[in-house]
């Protein structure tokens, strides 16, 4: 669910706010979403609350896309564009985290403990 919702929102946003192609935007966003799922959703959110997890998501988004556009792809992405992507992702993740926190069983169904 997280990959589909965020992918539908972030991939066109990255393409629109930079000179990224659809393929490079797809792979960058896909890699980013897998990383945030493991780091923030599975590890960090279990020991903190929704607000701290969303803040971690926003900061990680900004840093990830700065690193990607600087070292991996030759995108013309400004700091403002990266901030917009980070804020939009943070808003979406706020609602995704709230959905998972309503039913704690959903959060642990795909945990590393299984």
PDB file of N, CA and C in Angstrom:
ATOM      1  N   UNK A   1       0.826  -1.187   0.000  1.00  0.00           N
ATOM      2  CA  UNK A   1       0.000   0.000   0.000  1.00  0.00           C
ATOM      3  C   UNK A   1       0.878   1.262   0.000  1.00  0.00           C
ATOM      4  N   UNK A   2       1.901   1.266   0.828  1.00  0.00           N
ATOM      5  CA  UNK A   2       2.778   2.438   0.928  1.00  0.00           C
ATOM      6  C   UNK A   2       3.473   2.702  -0.398  1.00  0.00           C
ATOM      7  N   UNK A   3       3.977   1.671  -1.051  1.00  0.00           N
ATOM      8  CA  UNK A   3       4.669   1.849  -2.322  1.00  0.00           C
ATOM      9  C   UNK A   3       3.742   2.411  -3.397  1.00  0.00           C
ATOM     10  N   UNK A   4       2.535   1.930  -3.452  1.00  0.00           N
ATOM     11  CA  UNK A   4       1.601   2.365  -4.494  1.00  0.00           C
ATOM     12  C   UNK A   4       1.166   3.809  -4.269  1.00  0.00           C
ATOM     13  N   UNK A   5       0.722   4.119  -3.074  1.00  0.00           N
ATOM     14  CA  UNK A   5       0.225   5.471  -2.786  1.00  0.00           C
ATOM     15  C   UNK A   5       1.326   6.512  -2.975  1.00  0.00           C
ATOM     16  N   UNK A   6       2.461   6.266  -2.347  1.00  0.00           N
ATOM     17  CA  UNK A   6       3.553   7.237  -2.447  1.00  0.00           C
ATOM     18  C   UNK A   6       4.170   7.266  -3.830  1.00  0.00           C
ATOM     19  N   UNK A   7       4.211   6.133  -4.502  1.00  0.00           N
ATOM     20  CA  UNK A   7       4.735   6.099  -5.861  1.00  0.00           C
ATOM     21  C   UNK A   7       3.892   6.919  -6.821  1.00  0.00           C
ATOM     22  N   UNK A   8       2.586   6.817  -6.688  1.00  0.00           N
ATOM     23  CA  UNK A   8       1.673   7.583  -7.543  1.00  0.00           C
ATOM     24  C   UNK A   8       1.847   9.081  -7.319  1.00  0.00           C
ATOM     25  N   UNK A   9       2.168   9.465  -6.111  1.00  0.00           N
ATOM     26  CA  UNK A   9       2.319  10.888  -5.798  1.00  0.00           C
ATOM     27  C   UNK A   9       3.737  11.383  -6.078  1.00  0.00           C
ATOM     28  N   UNK A  10       4.747  10.636  -5.644  1.00  0.00           N
ATOM     29  CA  UNK A  10       6.118  11.131  -5.706  1.00  0.00           C
ATOM     30  C   UNK A  10       6.751  11.068  -7.092  1.00  0.00           C
ATOM     31  N   UNK A  11       6.497  10.027  -7.850  1.00  0.00           N
ATOM     32  CA  UNK A  11       7.151   9.913  -9.163  1.00  0.00           C
ATOM     33  C   UNK A  11       6.788  11.088 -10.071  1.00  0.00           C
ATOM     34  N   UNK A  12       5.499  11.407 -10.274  1.00  0.00           N
ATOM     35  CA  UNK A  12       5.195  12.582 -11.101  1.00  0.00           C
ATOM     36  C   UNK A  12       5.717  13.887 -10.511  1.00  0.00           C
ATOM     37  N   UNK A  13       5.747  13.984  -9.183  1.00  0.00           N
ATOM     38  CA  UNK A  13       6.253  15.188  -8.534  1.00  0.00           C
ATOM     39  C   UNK A  13       7.748  15.372  -8.801  1.00  0.00           C
ATOM     40  N   UNK A  14       8.513  14.297  -8.714  1.00  0.00           N
ATOM     41  CA  UNK A  14       9.948  14.366  -9.000  1.00  0.00           C
ATOM     42  C   UNK A  14      10.175  14.731 -10.468  1.00  0.00           C
ATOM     43  N   UNK A  15       9.416  14.131 -11.372  1.00  0.00           N
ATOM     44  CA  UNK A  15       9.555  14.442 -12.805  1.00  0.00           C
ATOM     45  C   UNK A  15       9.205  15.896 -13.064  1.00  0.00           C
ATOM     46  N   UNK A  16       8.150  16.391 -12.432  1.00  0.00           N
ATOM     47  CA  UNK A  16       7.702  17.767 -12.653  1.00  0.00           C
ATOM     48  C   UNK A  16       8.688  18.797 -12.088  1.00  0.00           C
ATOM     49  N   UNK A  17       9.244  18.518 -10.911  1.00  0.00           N
ATOM     50  CA  UNK A  17      10.104  19.492 -10.235  1.00  0.00           C
ATOM     51  C   UNK A  17      11.573  19.410 -10.632  1.00  0.00           C
ATOM     52  N   UNK A  18      11.925  18.493 -11.508  1.00  0.00           N
ATOM     53  CA  UNK A  18      13.314  18.373 -11.955  1.00  0.00           C
ATOM     54  C   UNK A  18      13.319  17.978 -13.426  1.00  0.00           C
ATOM     55  N   UNK A  19      14.482  17.728 -13.936  1.00  0.00           N
ATOM     56  CA  UNK A  19      14.570  17.255 -15.316  1.00  0.00           C
ATOM     57  C   UNK A  19      14.733  15.744 -15.355  1.00  0.00           C
ATOM     58  N   UNK A  20      14.230  15.052 -14.355  1.00  0.00           N
ATOM     59  CA  UNK A  20      14.337  13.597 -14.262  1.00  0.00           C
ATOM     60  C   UNK A  20      13.432  12.937 -15.288  1.00  0.00           C
ATOM     61  N   UNK A  21      13.906  11.831 -15.813  1.00  0.00           N
ATOM     62  CA  UNK A  21      13.059  11.014 -16.672  1.00  0.00           C
ATOM     63  C   UNK A  21      12.192  10.111 -15.819  1.00  0.00           C
ATOM     64  N   UNK A  22      11.202   9.501 -16.450  1.00  0.00           N
ATOM     65  CA  UNK A  22      10.281   8.648 -15.695  1.00  0.00           C
ATOM     66  C   UNK A  22      10.987   7.430 -15.122  1.00  0.00           C
ATOM     67  N   UNK A  23      11.923   6.861 -15.868  1.00  0.00           N
ATOM     68  CA  UNK A  23      12.632   5.672 -15.389  1.00  0.00           C
ATOM     69  C   UNK A  23      13.519   5.964 -14.199  1.00  0.00           C
ATOM     70  N   UNK A  24      14.315   7.026 -14.292  1.00  0.00           N
ATOM     71  CA  UNK A  24      15.196   7.360 -13.168  1.00  0.00           C
ATOM     72  C   UNK A  24      14.390   7.809 -11.955  1.00  0.00           C
ATOM     73  N   UNK A  25      13.292   8.514 -12.185  1.00  0.00           N
ATOM     74  CA  UNK A  25      12.433   8.919 -11.067  1.00  0.00           C
ATOM     75  C   UNK A  25      11.814   7.692 -10.399  1.00  0.00           C
ATOM     76  N   UNK A  26      11.385   6.724 -11.214  1.00  0.00           N
ATOM     77  CA  UNK A  26      10.799   5.502 -10.657  1.00  0.00           C
ATOM     78  C   UNK A  26      11.799   4.782  -9.769  1.00  0.00           C
ATOM     79  N   UNK A  27      13.021   4.562 -10.255  1.00  0.00           N
ATOM     80  CA  UNK A  27      14.006   3.811  -9.476  1.00  0.00           C
ATOM     81  C   UNK A  27      14.451   4.568  -8.235  1.00  0.00           C
ATOM     82  N   UNK A  28      14.583   5.868  -8.336  1.00  0.00           N
ATOM     83  CA  UNK A  28      14.968   6.649  -7.163  1.00  0.00           C
ATOM     84  C   UNK A  28      13.875   6.598  -6.096  1.00  0.00           C
ATOM     85  N   UNK A  29      12.625   6.797  -6.506  1.00  0.00           N
ATOM     86  CA  UNK A  29      11.508   6.784  -5.550  1.00  0.00           C
ATOM     87  C   UNK A  29      11.316   5.378  -4.975  1.00  0.00           C
ATOM     88  N   UNK A  30      11.422   4.360  -5.807  1.00  0.00           N
ATOM     89  CA  UNK A  30      11.270   2.982  -5.340  1.00  0.00           C
ATOM     90  C   UNK A  30      12.328   2.655  -4.276  1.00  0.00           C
ATOM     91  N   UNK A  31      13.569   3.005  -4.552  1.00  0.00           N
ATOM     92  CA  UNK A  31      14.654   2.778  -3.595  1.00  0.00           C
ATOM     93  C   UNK A  31      14.405   3.562  -2.307  1.00  0.00           C
ATOM     94  N   UNK A  32      13.993   4.811  -2.459  1.00  0.00           N
ATOM     95  CA  UNK A  32      13.705   5.659  -1.304  1.00  0.00           C
ATOM     96  C   UNK A  32      12.589   5.072  -0.441  1.00  0.00           C
ATOM     97  N   UNK A  33      11.514   4.617  -1.070  1.00  0.00           N
ATOM     98  CA  UNK A  33      10.381   4.085  -0.314  1.00  0.00           C
ATOM     99  C   UNK A  33      10.745   2.794   0.407  1.00  0.00           C
ATOM    100  N   UNK A  34      11.537   1.952  -0.204  1.00  0.00           N
ATOM    101  CA  UNK A  34      11.985   0.742   0.493  1.00  0.00           C
ATOM    102  C   UNK A  34      12.854   1.088   1.698  1.00  0.00           C
ATOM    103  N   UNK A  35      13.727   2.060   1.507  1.00  0.00           N
ATOM    104  CA  UNK A  35      14.603   2.485   2.599  1.00  0.00           C
ATOM    105  C   UNK A  35      13.793   3.080   3.756  1.00  0.00           C
ATOM    106  N   UNK A  36      12.850   3.957   3.457  1.00  0.00           N
ATOM    107  CA  UNK A  36      12.068   4.561   4.538  1.00  0.00           C
ATOM    108  C   UNK A  36      11.140   3.552   5.198  1.00  0.00           C
ATOM    109  N   UNK A  37      10.688   2.559   4.443  1.00  0.00           N
ATOM    110  CA  UNK A  37       9.849   1.527   5.046  1.00  0.00           C
ATOM    111  C   UNK A  37      10.630   0.783   6.126  1.00  0.00           C
ATOM    112  N   UNK A  38      11.861   0.424   5.819  1.00  0.00           N
ATOM    113  CA  UNK A  38      12.676  -0.316   6.782  1.00  0.00           C
ATOM    114  C   UNK A  38      13.110   0.578   7.937  1.00  0.00           C
ATOM    115  N   UNK A  39      13.673   1.736   7.605  1.00  0.00           N
ATOM    116  CA  UNK A  39      14.275   2.586   8.640  1.00  0.00           C
ATOM    117  C   UNK A  39      13.222   3.268   9.506  1.00  0.00           C
ATOM    118  N   UNK A  40      12.258   3.909   8.882  1.00  0.00           N
ATOM    119  CA  UNK A  40      11.299   4.703   9.658  1.00  0.00           C
ATOM    120  C   UNK A  40      10.098   3.875  10.101  1.00  0.00           C
ATOM    121  N   UNK A  41       9.429   3.199   9.154  1.00  0.00           N
ATOM    122  CA  UNK A  41       8.191   2.502   9.498  1.00  0.00           C
ATOM    123  C   UNK A  41       8.417   1.267  10.360  1.00  0.00           C
ATOM    124  N   UNK A  42       9.458   0.513  10.084  1.00  0.00           N
ATOM    125  CA  UNK A  42       9.671  -0.726  10.832  1.00  0.00           C
ATOM    126  C   UNK A  42      10.512  -0.537  12.092  1.00  0.00           C
ATOM    127  N   UNK A  43      11.444   0.370  12.072  1.00  0.00           N
ATOM    128  CA  UNK A  43      12.327   0.524  13.232  1.00  0.00           C
ATOM    129  C   UNK A  43      11.986   1.745  14.078  1.00  0.00           C
ATOM    130  N   UNK A  44      11.975   2.922  13.464  1.00  0.00           N
ATOM    131  CA  UNK A  44      11.836   4.167  14.208  1.00  0.00           C
ATOM    132  C   UNK A  44      10.424   4.377  14.750  1.00  0.00           C
ATOM    133  N   UNK A  45       9.410   4.062  13.959  1.00  0.00           N
ATOM    134  CA  UNK A  45       8.036   4.316  14.399  1.00  0.00           C
ATOM    135  C   UNK A  45       7.613   3.394  15.539  1.00  0.00           C
ATOM    136  N   UNK A  46       8.255   2.269  15.679  1.00  0.00           N
ATOM    137  CA  UNK A  46       7.920   1.348  16.779  1.00  0.00           C
ATOM    138  C   UNK A  46       8.308   1.915  18.143  1.00  0.00           C
ATOM    139  N   UNK A  47       9.309   2.790  18.171  1.00  0.00           N
ATOM    140  CA  UNK A  47       9.772   3.321  19.452  1.00  0.00           C
ATOM    141  C   UNK A  47       9.398   4.787  19.653  1.00  0.00           C
ATOM    142  N   UNK A  48       8.802   5.413  18.646  1.00  0.00           N
ATOM    143  CA  UNK A  48       8.395   6.811  18.766  1.00  0.00           C
ATOM    144  C   UNK A  48       6.926   6.939  18.390  1.00  0.00           C
ATOM    145  N   UNK A  49       6.494   8.179  18.237  1.00  0.00           N
ATOM    146  CA  UNK A  49       5.110   8.432  17.850  1.00  0.00           C
ATOM    147  C   UNK A  49       5.038   8.875  16.388  1.00  0.00           C
ATOM    148  N   UNK A  50       3.847   9.189  15.933  1.00  0.00           N
ATOM    149  CA  UNK A  50       3.618   9.567  14.537  1.00  0.00           C
ATOM    150  C   UNK A  50       4.353  10.849  14.176  1.00  0.00           C
ATOM    151  N   UNK A  51       4.340  11.828  15.049  1.00  0.00           N
ATOM    152  CA  UNK A  51       4.985  13.112  14.742  1.00  0.00           C
ATOM    153  C   UNK A  51       6.489  12.950  14.557  1.00  0.00           C
ATOM    154  N   UNK A  52       7.133  12.184  15.412  1.00  0.00           N
ATOM    155  CA  UNK A  52       8.578  11.963  15.288  1.00  0.00           C
ATOM    156  C   UNK A  52       8.894  11.168  14.022  1.00  0.00           C
ATOM    157  N   UNK A  53       8.058  10.201  13.695  1.00  0.00           N
ATOM    158  CA  UNK A  53       8.280   9.406  12.487  1.00  0.00           C
ATOM    159  C   UNK A  53       8.101  10.254  11.228  1.00  0.00           C
ATOM    160  N   UNK A  54       7.122  11.139  11.231  1.00  0.00           N
ATOM    161  CA  UNK A  54       6.910  12.022  10.076  1.00  0.00           C
ATOM    162  C   UNK A  54       8.081  12.992   9.936  1.00  0.00           C
ATOM    163  N   UNK A  55       8.560  13.526  11.034  1.00  0.00           N
ATOM    164  CA  UNK A  55       9.727  14.412  10.988  1.00  0.00           C
ATOM    165  C   UNK A  55      10.949  13.670  10.443  1.00  0.00           C
ATOM    166  N   UNK A  56      11.138  12.443  10.880  1.00  0.00           N
ATOM    167  CA  UNK A  56      12.241  11.628  10.349  1.00  0.00           C
ATOM    168  C   UNK A  56      12.055  11.379   8.856  1.00  0.00           C
ATOM    169  N   UNK A  57      10.819  11.122   8.435  1.00  0.00           N
ATOM    170  CA  UNK A  57      10.536  10.930   7.008  1.00  0.00           C
ATOM    171  C   UNK A  57      10.886  12.168   6.195  1.00  0.00           C
ATOM    172  N   UNK A  58      10.489  13.338   6.690  1.00  0.00           N
ATOM    173  CA  UNK A  58      10.739  14.587   5.964  1.00  0.00           C
ATOM    174  C   UNK A  58      12.240  14.851   5.852  1.00  0.00           C
ATOM    175  N   UNK A  59      12.949  14.717   6.940  1.00  0.00           N
ATOM    176  CA  UNK A  59      14.397  14.946   6.910  1.00  0.00           C
ATOM    177  C   UNK A  59      15.114  13.939   6.024  1.00  0.00           C
ATOM    178  N   UNK A  60      14.723  12.683   6.120  1.00  0.00           N
ATOM    179  CA  UNK A  60      15.326  11.650   5.288  1.00  0.00           C
ATOM    180  C   UNK A  60      15.020  11.873   3.801  1.00  0.00           C
ATOM    181  N   UNK A  61      13.830  12.354   3.503  1.00  0.00           N
ATOM    182  CA  UNK A  61      13.458  12.651   2.118  1.00  0.00           C
ATOM    183  C   UNK A  61      14.354  13.728   1.537  1.00  0.00           C
ATOM    184  N   UNK A  62      14.519  14.811   2.278  1.00  0.00           N
ATOM    185  CA  UNK A  62      15.348  15.908   1.785  1.00  0.00           C
ATOM    186  C   UNK A  62      16.784  15.447   1.553  1.00  0.00           C
ATOM    187  N   UNK A  63      17.357  14.730   2.507  1.00  0.00           N
ATOM    188  CA  UNK A  63      18.740  14.264   2.394  1.00  0.00           C
ATOM    189  C   UNK A  63      18.879  13.257   1.254  1.00  0.00           C
ATOM    190  N   UNK A  64      17.944  12.324   1.147  1.00  0.00           N
ATOM    191  CA  UNK A  64      18.022  11.309   0.098  1.00  0.00           C
ATOM    192  C   UNK A  64      17.997  11.940  -1.287  1.00  0.00           C
ATOM    193  N   UNK A  65      17.043  12.827  -1.535  1.00  0.00           N
ATOM    194  CA  UNK A  65      16.944  13.414  -2.861  1.00  0.00           C
ATOM    195  C   UNK A  65      18.087  14.382  -3.145  1.00  0.00           C
ATOM    196  N   UNK A  66      18.647  14.990  -2.129  1.00  0.00           N
ATOM    197  CA  UNK A  66      19.841  15.809  -2.350  1.00  0.00           C
ATOM    198  C   UNK A  66      21.003  14.920  -2.788  1.00  0.00           C
ATOM    199  N   UNK A  67      21.182  13.794  -2.103  1.00  0.00           N
ATOM    200  CA  UNK A  67      22.261  12.880  -2.460  1.00  0.00           C
ATOM    201  C   UNK A  67      22.057  12.276  -3.854  1.00  0.00           C
ATOM    202  N   UNK A  68      20.833  11.896  -4.157  1.00  0.00           N
ATOM    203  CA  UNK A  68      20.545  11.280  -5.459  1.00  0.00           C
ATOM    204  C   UNK A  68      20.783  12.259  -6.590  1.00  0.00           C
ATOM    205  N   UNK A  69      20.277  13.468  -6.457  1.00  0.00           N
ATOM    206  CA  UNK A  69      20.442  14.423  -7.551  1.00  0.00           C
ATOM    207  C   UNK A  69      21.873  14.914  -7.675  1.00  0.00           C
ATOM    208  N   UNK A  70      22.622  14.850  -6.596  1.00  0.00           N
ATOM    209  CA  UNK A  70      24.001  15.330  -6.646  1.00  0.00           C
ATOM    210  C   UNK A  70      24.993  14.267  -7.121  1.00  0.00           C
ATOM    211  N   UNK A  71      24.820  13.025  -6.647  1.00  0.00           N
ATOM    212  CA  UNK A  71      25.826  12.006  -6.908  1.00  0.00           C
ATOM    213  C   UNK A  71      25.414  10.908  -7.891  1.00  0.00           C
ATOM    214  N   UNK A  72      24.119  10.668  -8.063  1.00  0.00           N
ATOM    215  CA  UNK A  72      23.706   9.553  -8.907  1.00  0.00           C
ATOM    216  C   UNK A  72      23.100   9.993 -10.239  1.00  0.00           C
ATOM    217  N   UNK A  73      22.213  10.958 -10.201  1.00  0.00           N
ATOM    218  CA  UNK A  73      21.579  11.454 -11.415  1.00  0.00           C
ATOM    219  C   UNK A  73      21.922  12.919 -11.588  1.00  0.00           C
ATOM    220  N   UNK A  74      21.968  13.354 -12.798  1.00  0.00           N
ATOM    221  CA  UNK A  74      22.273  14.757 -13.081  1.00  0.00           C
ATOM    222  C   UNK A  74      20.960  15.540 -13.218  1.00  0.00           C
ATOM    223  N   UNK A  75      20.218  15.570 -12.129  1.00  0.00           N
ATOM    224  CA  UNK A  75      18.945  16.281 -12.128  1.00  0.00           C
ATOM    225  C   UNK A  75      19.182  17.738 -11.761  1.00  0.00           C
ATOM    226  N   UNK A  76      18.339  18.597 -12.277  1.00  0.00           N
ATOM    227  CA  UNK A  76      18.399  20.011 -11.891  1.00  0.00           C
ATOM    228  C   UNK A  76      17.323  20.269 -10.838  1.00  0.00           C
ATOM    229  N   UNK A  77      17.556  19.756  -9.652  1.00  0.00           N
ATOM    230  CA  UNK A  77      16.574  19.883  -8.578  1.00  0.00           C
ATOM    231  C   UNK A  77      17.084  20.909  -7.569  1.00  0.00           C
ATOM    232  N   UNK A  78      16.292  21.931  -7.325  1.00  0.00           N
ATOM    233  CA  UNK A  78      16.679  22.972  -6.376  1.00  0.00           C
ATOM    234  C   UNK A  78      16.340  22.541  -4.950  1.00  0.00           C
ATOM    235  N   UNK A  79      16.852  23.295  -3.998  1.00  0.00           N
ATOM    236  CA  UNK A  79      16.519  23.016  -2.596  1.00  0.00           C
ATOM    237  C   UNK A  79      15.031  23.206  -2.339  1.00  0.00           C
ATOM    238  N   UNK A  80      14.430  24.152  -3.030  1.00  0.00           N
ATOM    239  CA  UNK A  80      12.988  24.368  -2.891  1.00  0.00           C
ATOM    240  C   UNK A  80      12.211  23.156  -3.386  1.00  0.00           C
ATOM    241  N   UNK A  81      12.634  22.596  -4.510  1.00  0.00           N
ATOM    242  CA  UNK A  81      11.974  21.401  -5.044  1.00  0.00           C
ATOM    243  C   UNK A  81      12.098  20.225  -4.084  1.00  0.00           C
ATOM    244  N   UNK A  82      13.291  20.063  -3.523  1.00  0.00           N
ATOM    245  CA  UNK A  82      13.486  18.980  -2.556  1.00  0.00           C
ATOM    246  C   UNK A  82      12.635  19.198  -1.303  1.00  0.00           C
ATOM    247  N   UNK A  83      12.504  20.450  -0.884  1.00  0.00           N
ATOM    248  CA  UNK A  83      11.667  20.757   0.284  1.00  0.00           C
ATOM    249  C   UNK A  83      10.197  20.477  -0.015  1.00  0.00           C
ATOM    250  N   UNK A  84       9.746  20.807  -1.213  1.00  0.00           N
ATOM    251  CA  UNK A  84       8.352  20.536  -1.596  1.00  0.00           C
ATOM    252  C   UNK A  84       8.098  19.036  -1.584  1.00  0.00           C
ATOM    253  N   UNK A  85       9.007  18.270  -2.169  1.00  0.00           N
ATOM    254  CA  UNK A  85       8.852  16.815  -2.182  1.00  0.00           C
ATOM    255  C   UNK A  85       8.835  16.270  -0.756  1.00  0.00           C
ATOM    256  N   UNK A  86       9.707  16.783   0.097  1.00  0.00           N
ATOM    257  CA  UNK A  86       9.774  16.314   1.484  1.00  0.00           C
ATOM    258  C   UNK A  86       8.488  16.636   2.246  1.00  0.00           C
ATOM    259  N   UNK A  87       7.950  17.828   2.056  1.00  0.00           N
ATOM    260  CA  UNK A  87       6.715  18.207   2.757  1.00  0.00           C
ATOM    261  C   UNK A  87       5.528  17.391   2.264  1.00  0.00           C
ATOM    262  N   UNK A  88       5.423  17.216   0.957  1.00  0.00           N
ATOM    263  CA  UNK A  88       4.314  16.415   0.406  1.00  0.00           C
ATOM    264  C   UNK A  88       4.417  14.981   0.917  1.00  0.00           C
ATOM    265  N   UNK A  89       5.621  14.431   0.910  1.00  0.00           N
ATOM    266  CA  UNK A  89       5.809  13.074   1.422  1.00  0.00           C
ATOM    267  C   UNK A  89       5.466  13.003   2.912  1.00  0.00           C
ATOM    268  N   UNK A  90       5.836  14.014   3.672  1.00  0.00           N
ATOM    269  CA  UNK A  90       5.514  14.041   5.092  1.00  0.00           C
ATOM    270  C   UNK A  90       4.015  14.066   5.352  1.00  0.00           C
ATOM    271  N   UNK A  91       3.287  14.822   4.541  1.00  0.00           N
ATOM    272  CA  UNK A  91       1.824  14.878   4.692  1.00  0.00           C
ATOM    273  C   UNK A  91       1.198  13.520   4.404  1.00  0.00           C
ATOM    274  N   UNK A  92       1.632  12.890   3.327  1.00  0.00           N
ATOM    275  CA  UNK A  92       1.095  11.567   2.986  1.00  0.00           C
ATOM    276  C   UNK A  92       1.452  10.551   4.063  1.00  0.00           C
ATOM    277  N   UNK A  93       2.681  10.590   4.528  1.00  0.00           N
ATOM    278  CA  UNK A  93       3.113   9.637   5.549  1.00  0.00           C
ATOM    279  C   UNK A  93       2.405   9.849   6.886  1.00  0.00           C
ATOM    280  N   UNK A  94       2.022  11.070   7.202  1.00  0.00           N
ATOM    281  CA  UNK A  94       1.258  11.316   8.415  1.00  0.00           C
ATOM    282  C   UNK A  94      -0.013  10.474   8.409  1.00  0.00           C
ATOM    283  N   UNK A  95      -0.703  10.466   7.277  1.00  0.00           N
ATOM    284  CA  UNK A  95      -1.953   9.702   7.181  1.00  0.00           C
ATOM    285  C   UNK A  95      -1.698   8.200   7.084  1.00  0.00           C
ATOM    286  N   UNK A  96      -0.616   7.793   6.438  1.00  0.00           N
ATOM    287  CA  UNK A  96      -0.277   6.368   6.375  1.00  0.00           C
ATOM    288  C   UNK A  96       0.064   5.851   7.773  1.00  0.00           C
ATOM    289  N   UNK A  97       0.867   6.604   8.514  1.00  0.00           N
ATOM    290  CA  UNK A  97       1.219   6.196   9.881  1.00  0.00           C
ATOM    291  C   UNK A  97      -0.023   6.160  10.767  1.00  0.00           C
ATOM    292  N   UNK A  98      -0.891   7.146  10.629  1.00  0.00           N
ATOM    293  CA  UNK A  98      -2.115   7.172  11.438  1.00  0.00           C
ATOM    294  C   UNK A  98      -2.982   5.952  11.134  1.00  0.00           C
ATOM    295  N   UNK A  99      -3.029   5.556   9.870  1.00  0.00           N
ATOM    296  CA  UNK A  99      -3.798   4.372   9.484  1.00  0.00           C
ATOM    297  C   UNK A  99      -3.226   3.123  10.149  1.00  0.00           C
ATOM    298  N   UNK A 100      -1.907   2.972  10.120  1.00  0.00           N
ATOM    299  CA  UNK A 100      -1.284   1.798  10.723  1.00  0.00           C
ATOM    300  C   UNK A 100      -1.363   1.821  12.242  1.00  0.00           C
ATOM    301  N   UNK A 101      -1.343   2.991  12.856  1.00  0.00           N
ATOM    302  CA  UNK A 101      -1.401   3.054  14.309  1.00  0.00           C
ATOM    303  C   UNK A 101      -2.800   2.808  14.848  1.00  0.00           C
ATOM    304  N   UNK A 102      -3.829   2.946  14.006  1.00  0.00           N
ATOM    305  CA  UNK A 102      -5.189   2.644  14.462  1.00  0.00           C
ATOM    306  C   UNK A 102      -5.346   1.165  14.782  1.00  0.00           C
ATOM    307  N   UNK A 103      -4.680   0.315  14.016  1.00  0.00           N
ATOM    308  CA  UNK A 103      -4.730  -1.119  14.235  1.00  0.00           C
ATOM    309  C   UNK A 103      -3.298  -1.624  14.388  1.00  0.00           C
ATOM    310  N   UNK A 104      -2.817  -1.774  15.620  1.00  0.00           N
ATOM    311  CA  UNK A 104      -1.428  -2.185  15.832  1.00  0.00           C
ATOM    312  C   UNK A 104      -1.082  -3.517  15.175  1.00  0.00           C
ATOM    313  N   UNK A 105      -2.063  -4.355  14.920  1.00  0.00           N
ATOM    314  CA  UNK A 105      -1.802  -5.622  14.257  1.00  0.00           C
ATOM    315  C   UNK A 105      -1.292  -5.436  12.848  1.00  0.00           C
ATOM    316  N   UNK A 106      -1.731  -4.385  12.179  1.00  0.00           N
ATOM    317  CA  UNK A 106      -1.266  -4.109  10.819  1.00  0.00           C
ATOM    318  C   UNK A 106       0.204  -3.744  10.812  1.00  0.00           C
ATOM    319  N   UNK A 107       0.628  -3.052  11.844  1.00  0.00           N
ATOM    320  CA  UNK A 107       2.028  -2.635  11.916  1.00  0.00           C
ATOM    321  C   UNK A 107       2.930  -3.840  12.142  1.00  0.00           C
ATOM    322  N   UNK A 108       2.503  -4.789  12.948  1.00  0.00           N
ATOM    323  CA  UNK A 108       3.378  -5.907  13.272  1.00  0.00           C
ATOM    324  C   UNK A 108       3.237  -7.080  12.313  1.00  0.00           C
ATOM    325  N   UNK A 109       2.251  -7.050  11.431  1.00  0.00           N
ATOM    326  CA  UNK A 109       2.072  -8.148  10.502  1.00  0.00           C
ATOM    327  C   UNK A 109       3.278  -8.359   9.597  1.00  0.00           C
ATOM    328  N   UNK A 110       3.927  -7.292   9.218  1.00  0.00           N
ATOM    329  CA  UNK A 110       5.060  -7.376   8.310  1.00  0.00           C
ATOM    330  C   UNK A 110       6.357  -7.006   9.023  1.00  0.00           C
ATOM    331  N   UNK A 111       6.441  -7.373  10.266  1.00  0.00           N
ATOM    332  CA  UNK A 111       7.621  -6.980  11.038  1.00  0.00           C
ATOM    333  C   UNK A 111       8.754  -7.972  10.813  1.00  0.00           C
ATOM    334  N   UNK A 112       9.895  -7.620  11.332  1.00  0.00           N
ATOM    335  CA  UNK A 112      11.058  -8.471  11.220  1.00  0.00           C
ATOM    336  C   UNK A 112      10.994  -9.650  12.190  1.00  0.00           C
ATOM    337  N   UNK A 113      10.033  -9.628  13.111  1.00  0.00           N
ATOM    338  CA  UNK A 113       9.921 -10.701  14.085  1.00  0.00           C
ATOM    339  C   UNK A 113       9.352 -11.966  13.492  1.00  0.00           C
ATOM    340  N   UNK A 114       8.647 -11.863  12.382  1.00  0.00           N
ATOM    341  CA  UNK A 114       7.975 -13.014  11.776  1.00  0.00           C
ATOM    342  C   UNK A 114       8.940 -13.976  11.147  1.00  0.00           C
TER     343      UNK A 114
END
